[in-house]
């Protein structure tokens, strides 16, 4: 799991990305499971950790 930032007309936006190795059986399934079940809102601890990492949430 990682964070990628992208330029945009209104500034930079960030998103959480899931990396996987397609040579490892089942890794794509796990990545899709994580992607499909990300929270719509981050709890306080998660927001704090993201802000510490330079991600404004």
PDB file of N, CA and C in Angstrom:
ATOM      1  N   UNK A   1       0.860  -1.167   0.000  1.00  0.00           N
ATOM      2  CA  UNK A   1       0.000   0.000   0.000  1.00  0.00           C
ATOM      3  C   UNK A   1       0.902   1.224   0.000  1.00  0.00           C
ATOM      4  N   UNK A   2       0.513   2.220  -0.758  1.00  0.00           N
ATOM      5  CA  UNK A   2       1.291   3.447  -0.828  1.00  0.00           C
ATOM      6  C   UNK A   2       0.391   4.635  -1.110  1.00  0.00           C
ATOM      7  N   UNK A   3       0.992   5.778  -1.198  1.00  0.00           N
ATOM      8  CA  UNK A   3       0.267   7.009  -1.496  1.00  0.00           C
ATOM      9  C   UNK A   3       0.926   7.638  -2.710  1.00  0.00           C
ATOM     10  N   UNK A   4       0.119   8.021  -3.695  1.00  0.00           N
ATOM     11  CA  UNK A   4       0.626   8.703  -4.877  1.00  0.00           C
ATOM     12  C   UNK A   4      -0.029  10.070  -4.947  1.00  0.00           C
ATOM     13  N   UNK A   5       0.735  11.050  -5.383  1.00  0.00           N
ATOM     14  CA  UNK A   5       0.214  12.403  -5.553  1.00  0.00           C
ATOM     15  C   UNK A   5       0.198  12.743  -7.034  1.00  0.00           C
ATOM     16  N   UNK A   6      -0.822  13.499  -7.432  1.00  0.00           N
ATOM     17  CA  UNK A   6      -1.001  13.855  -8.826  1.00  0.00           C
ATOM     18  C   UNK A   6      -1.303  15.344  -8.944  1.00  0.00           C
ATOM     19  N   UNK A   7      -0.709  16.020  -9.936  1.00  0.00           N
ATOM     20  CA  UNK A   7      -1.019  17.434 -10.130  1.00  0.00           C
ATOM     21  C   UNK A   7      -2.428  17.589 -10.705  1.00  0.00           C
ATOM     22  N   UNK A   8      -3.053  18.692 -10.370  1.00  0.00           N
ATOM     23  CA  UNK A   8      -4.407  18.980 -10.830  1.00  0.00           C
ATOM     24  C   UNK A   8      -4.525  20.481 -11.004  1.00  0.00           C
ATOM     25  N   UNK A   9      -5.469  20.927 -11.800  1.00  0.00           N
ATOM     26  CA  UNK A   9      -5.667  22.366 -12.014  1.00  0.00           C
ATOM     27  C   UNK A   9      -5.878  23.120 -10.710  1.00  0.00           C
ATOM     28  N   UNK A  10      -6.439  22.457  -9.722  1.00  0.00           N
ATOM     29  CA  UNK A  10      -6.755  23.099  -8.446  1.00  0.00           C
ATOM     30  C   UNK A  10      -5.752  22.739  -7.349  1.00  0.00           C
ATOM     31  N   UNK A  11      -4.607  22.224  -7.717  1.00  0.00           N
ATOM     32  CA  UNK A  11      -3.591  21.828  -6.742  1.00  0.00           C
ATOM     33  C   UNK A  11      -3.234  20.358  -6.911  1.00  0.00           C
ATOM     34  N   UNK A  12      -2.676  19.783  -5.898  1.00  0.00           N
ATOM     35  CA  UNK A  12      -2.269  18.385  -5.927  1.00  0.00           C
ATOM     36  C   UNK A  12      -3.267  17.547  -5.147  1.00  0.00           C
ATOM     37  N   UNK A  13      -3.616  16.400  -5.684  1.00  0.00           N
ATOM     38  CA  UNK A  13      -4.452  15.477  -4.919  1.00  0.00           C
ATOM     39  C   UNK A  13      -3.697  14.175  -4.728  1.00  0.00           C
ATOM     40  N   UNK A  14      -4.047  13.476  -3.676  1.00  0.00           N
ATOM     41  CA  UNK A  14      -3.373  12.222  -3.341  1.00  0.00           C
ATOM     42  C   UNK A  14      -4.389  11.103  -3.255  1.00  0.00           C
ATOM     43  N   UNK A  15      -3.914   9.906  -3.497  1.00  0.00           N
ATOM     44  CA  UNK A  15      -4.776   8.741  -3.326  1.00  0.00           C
ATOM     45  C   UNK A  15      -3.957   7.569  -2.819  1.00  0.00           C
ATOM     46  N   UNK A  16      -4.633   6.678  -2.150  1.00  0.00           N
ATOM     47  CA  UNK A  16      -4.010   5.450  -1.659  1.00  0.00           C
ATOM     48  C   UNK A  16      -4.005   4.452  -2.812  1.00  0.00           C
ATOM     49  N   UNK A  17      -2.885   3.811  -3.018  1.00  0.00           N
ATOM     50  CA  UNK A  17      -2.768   2.816  -4.080  1.00  0.00           C
ATOM     51  C   UNK A  17      -2.319   1.486  -3.479  1.00  0.00           C
ATOM     52  N   UNK A  18      -2.700   0.419  -4.141  1.00  0.00           N
ATOM     53  CA  UNK A  18      -2.314  -0.922  -3.704  1.00  0.00           C
ATOM     54  C   UNK A  18      -1.420  -1.522  -4.787  1.00  0.00           C
ATOM     55  N   UNK A  19      -0.217  -1.887  -4.399  1.00  0.00           N
ATOM     56  CA  UNK A  19       0.714  -2.531  -5.318  1.00  0.00           C
ATOM     57  C   UNK A  19       0.627  -4.042  -5.122  1.00  0.00           C
ATOM     58  N   UNK A  20       0.786  -4.785  -6.213  1.00  0.00           N
ATOM     59  CA  UNK A  20       0.787  -6.236  -6.093  1.00  0.00           C
ATOM     60  C   UNK A  20       1.729  -6.828  -7.125  1.00  0.00           C
ATOM     61  N   UNK A  21       2.146  -8.039  -6.866  1.00  0.00           N
ATOM     62  CA  UNK A  21       3.035  -8.770  -7.763  1.00  0.00           C
ATOM     63  C   UNK A  21       2.199  -9.837  -8.454  1.00  0.00           C
ATOM     64  N   UNK A  22       1.965  -9.660  -9.751  1.00  0.00           N
ATOM     65  CA  UNK A  22       1.099 -10.605 -10.457  1.00  0.00           C
ATOM     66  C   UNK A  22       1.719 -11.992 -10.610  1.00  0.00           C
ATOM     67  N   UNK A  23       2.977 -12.148 -10.205  1.00  0.00           N
ATOM     68  CA  UNK A  23       3.593 -13.472 -10.218  1.00  0.00           C
ATOM     69  C   UNK A  23       3.300 -14.246  -8.938  1.00  0.00           C
ATOM     70  N   UNK A  24       2.725 -13.581  -7.942  1.00  0.00           N
ATOM     71  CA  UNK A  24       2.352 -14.246  -6.695  1.00  0.00           C
ATOM     72  C   UNK A  24       0.858 -14.541  -6.758  1.00  0.00           C
ATOM     73  N   UNK A  25       0.532 -15.818  -6.742  1.00  0.00           N
ATOM     74  CA  UNK A  25      -0.865 -16.227  -6.867  1.00  0.00           C
ATOM     75  C   UNK A  25      -1.719 -15.610  -5.760  1.00  0.00           C
ATOM     76  N   UNK A  26      -2.813 -15.006  -6.156  1.00  0.00           N
ATOM     77  CA  UNK A  26      -3.752 -14.433  -5.199  1.00  0.00           C
ATOM     78  C   UNK A  26      -3.474 -12.985  -4.831  1.00  0.00           C
ATOM     79  N   UNK A  27      -2.308 -12.456  -5.220  1.00  0.00           N
ATOM     80  CA  UNK A  27      -1.990 -11.085  -4.801  1.00  0.00           C
ATOM     81  C   UNK A  27      -2.911 -10.062  -5.457  1.00  0.00           C
ATOM     82  N   UNK A  28      -3.311 -10.298  -6.695  1.00  0.00           N
ATOM     83  CA  UNK A  28      -4.244  -9.374  -7.342  1.00  0.00           C
ATOM     84  C   UNK A  28      -5.602  -9.416  -6.642  1.00  0.00           C
ATOM     85  N   UNK A  29      -6.040 -10.592  -6.233  1.00  0.00           N
ATOM     86  CA  UNK A  29      -7.312 -10.712  -5.511  1.00  0.00           C
ATOM     87  C   UNK A  29      -7.280  -9.922  -4.208  1.00  0.00           C
ATOM     88  N   UNK A  30      -6.168 -10.003  -3.492  1.00  0.00           N
ATOM     89  CA  UNK A  30      -6.026  -9.256  -2.238  1.00  0.00           C
ATOM     90  C   UNK A  30      -6.040  -7.758  -2.526  1.00  0.00           C
ATOM     91  N   UNK A  31      -5.321  -7.331  -3.560  1.00  0.00           N
ATOM     92  CA  UNK A  31      -5.287  -5.909  -3.917  1.00  0.00           C
ATOM     93  C   UNK A  31      -6.683  -5.403  -4.260  1.00  0.00           C
ATOM     94  N   UNK A  32      -7.444  -6.176  -5.002  1.00  0.00           N
ATOM     95  CA  UNK A  32      -8.810  -5.775  -5.359  1.00  0.00           C
ATOM     96  C   UNK A  32      -9.722  -5.743  -4.137  1.00  0.00           C
ATOM     97  N   UNK A  33      -9.506  -6.654  -3.205  1.00  0.00           N
ATOM     98  CA  UNK A  33     -10.281  -6.669  -1.960  1.00  0.00           C
ATOM     99  C   UNK A  33      -9.999  -5.407  -1.150  1.00  0.00           C
ATOM    100  N   UNK A  34      -8.733  -5.040  -1.039  1.00  0.00           N
ATOM    101  CA  UNK A  34      -8.366  -3.821  -0.312  1.00  0.00           C
ATOM    102  C   UNK A  34      -8.967  -2.606  -1.011  1.00  0.00           C
ATOM    103  N   UNK A  35      -8.815  -2.548  -2.327  1.00  0.00           N
ATOM    104  CA  UNK A  35      -9.334  -1.412  -3.096  1.00  0.00           C
ATOM    105  C   UNK A  35     -10.851  -1.283  -2.953  1.00  0.00           C
ATOM    106  N   UNK A  36     -11.542  -2.402  -2.955  1.00  0.00           N
ATOM    107  CA  UNK A  36     -12.995  -2.383  -2.882  1.00  0.00           C
ATOM    108  C   UNK A  36     -13.553  -2.128  -1.496  1.00  0.00           C
ATOM    109  N   UNK A  37     -12.699  -2.150  -0.480  1.00  0.00           N
ATOM    110  CA  UNK A  37     -13.178  -1.993   0.893  1.00  0.00           C
ATOM    111  C   UNK A  37     -12.461  -0.879   1.652  1.00  0.00           C
ATOM    112  N   UNK A  38     -12.020   0.138   0.931  1.00  0.00           N
ATOM    113  CA  UNK A  38     -11.403   1.276   1.614  1.00  0.00           C
ATOM    114  C   UNK A  38     -12.488   2.083   2.305  1.00  0.00           C
ATOM    115  N   UNK A  39     -12.170   2.668   3.425  1.00  0.00           N
ATOM    116  CA  UNK A  39     -13.186   3.435   4.156  1.00  0.00           C
ATOM    117  C   UNK A  39     -13.570   4.713   3.414  1.00  0.00           C
ATOM    118  N   UNK A  40     -14.836   5.105   3.540  1.00  0.00           N
ATOM    119  CA  UNK A  40     -15.277   6.366   2.946  1.00  0.00           C
ATOM    120  C   UNK A  40     -14.792   7.545   3.772  1.00  0.00           C
ATOM    121  N   UNK A  41     -14.553   7.314   5.041  1.00  0.00           N
ATOM    122  CA  UNK A  41     -14.039   8.357   5.931  1.00  0.00           C
ATOM    123  C   UNK A  41     -12.944   7.738   6.792  1.00  0.00           C
ATOM    124  N   UNK A  42     -11.917   8.520   7.073  1.00  0.00           N
ATOM    125  CA  UNK A  42     -10.808   8.049   7.887  1.00  0.00           C
ATOM    126  C   UNK A  42     -11.066   8.387   9.348  1.00  0.00           C
ATOM    127  N   UNK A  43     -10.707   7.461  10.252  1.00  0.00           N
ATOM    128  CA  UNK A  43     -10.845   7.753  11.680  1.00  0.00           C
ATOM    129  C   UNK A  43      -9.746   8.729  12.109  1.00  0.00           C
ATOM    130  N   UNK A  44      -9.835   9.210  13.336  1.00  0.00           N
ATOM    131  CA  UNK A  44      -8.916  10.245  13.821  1.00  0.00           C
ATOM    132  C   UNK A  44      -7.459   9.791  13.743  1.00  0.00           C
ATOM    133  N   UNK A  45      -7.172   8.576  14.182  1.00  0.00           N
ATOM    134  CA  UNK A  45      -5.798   8.067  14.149  1.00  0.00           C
ATOM    135  C   UNK A  45      -5.270   8.024  12.715  1.00  0.00           C
ATOM    136  N   UNK A  46      -6.084   7.558  11.788  1.00  0.00           N
ATOM    137  CA  UNK A  46      -5.651   7.483  10.390  1.00  0.00           C
ATOM    138  C   UNK A  46      -5.389   8.863   9.814  1.00  0.00           C
ATOM    139  N   UNK A  47      -6.269   9.825  10.109  1.00  0.00           N
ATOM    140  CA  UNK A  47      -6.066  11.194   9.632  1.00  0.00           C
ATOM    141  C   UNK A  47      -4.769  11.776  10.186  1.00  0.00           C
ATOM    142  N   UNK A  48      -4.494  11.497  11.459  1.00  0.00           N
ATOM    143  CA  UNK A  48      -3.259  11.986  12.079  1.00  0.00           C
ATOM    144  C   UNK A  48      -2.041  11.390  11.382  1.00  0.00           C
ATOM    145  N   UNK A  49      -2.069  10.089  11.115  1.00  0.00           N
ATOM    146  CA  UNK A  49      -0.947   9.434  10.448  1.00  0.00           C
ATOM    147  C   UNK A  49      -0.759   9.964   9.027  1.00  0.00           C
ATOM    148  N   UNK A  50      -1.856  10.190   8.326  1.00  0.00           N
ATOM    149  CA  UNK A  50      -1.754  10.739   6.977  1.00  0.00           C
ATOM    150  C   UNK A  50      -1.165  12.145   7.003  1.00  0.00           C
ATOM    151  N   UNK A  51      -1.628  12.967   7.936  1.00  0.00           N
ATOM    152  CA  UNK A  51      -1.101  14.331   8.045  1.00  0.00           C
ATOM    153  C   UNK A  51       0.380  14.316   8.395  1.00  0.00           C
ATOM    154  N   UNK A  52       0.782  13.391   9.271  1.00  0.00           N
ATOM    155  CA  UNK A  52       2.196  13.255   9.623  1.00  0.00           C
ATOM    156  C   UNK A  52       3.021  12.908   8.386  1.00  0.00           C
ATOM    157  N   UNK A  53       2.425  12.156   7.479  1.00  0.00           N
ATOM    158  CA  UNK A  53       3.098  11.784   6.237  1.00  0.00           C
ATOM    159  C   UNK A  53       3.001  12.837   5.150  1.00  0.00           C
ATOM    160  N   UNK A  54       2.429  13.999   5.492  1.00  0.00           N
ATOM    161  CA  UNK A  54       2.359  15.093   4.528  1.00  0.00           C
ATOM    162  C   UNK A  54       1.125  15.090   3.652  1.00  0.00           C
ATOM    163  N   UNK A  55       0.140  14.261   4.006  1.00  0.00           N
ATOM    164  CA  UNK A  55      -1.096  14.190   3.225  1.00  0.00           C
ATOM    165  C   UNK A  55      -2.173  14.973   3.954  1.00  0.00           C
ATOM    166  N   UNK A  56      -2.701  15.995   3.310  1.00  0.00           N
ATOM    167  CA  UNK A  56      -3.730  16.824   3.926  1.00  0.00           C
ATOM    168  C   UNK A  56      -5.098  16.177   3.730  1.00  0.00           C
ATOM    169  N   UNK A  57      -5.711  15.776   4.821  1.00  0.00           N
ATOM    170  CA  UNK A  57      -7.040  15.146   4.756  1.00  0.00           C
ATOM    171  C   UNK A  57      -8.050  15.953   5.531  1.00  0.00           C
TER     172      UNK A  57
END
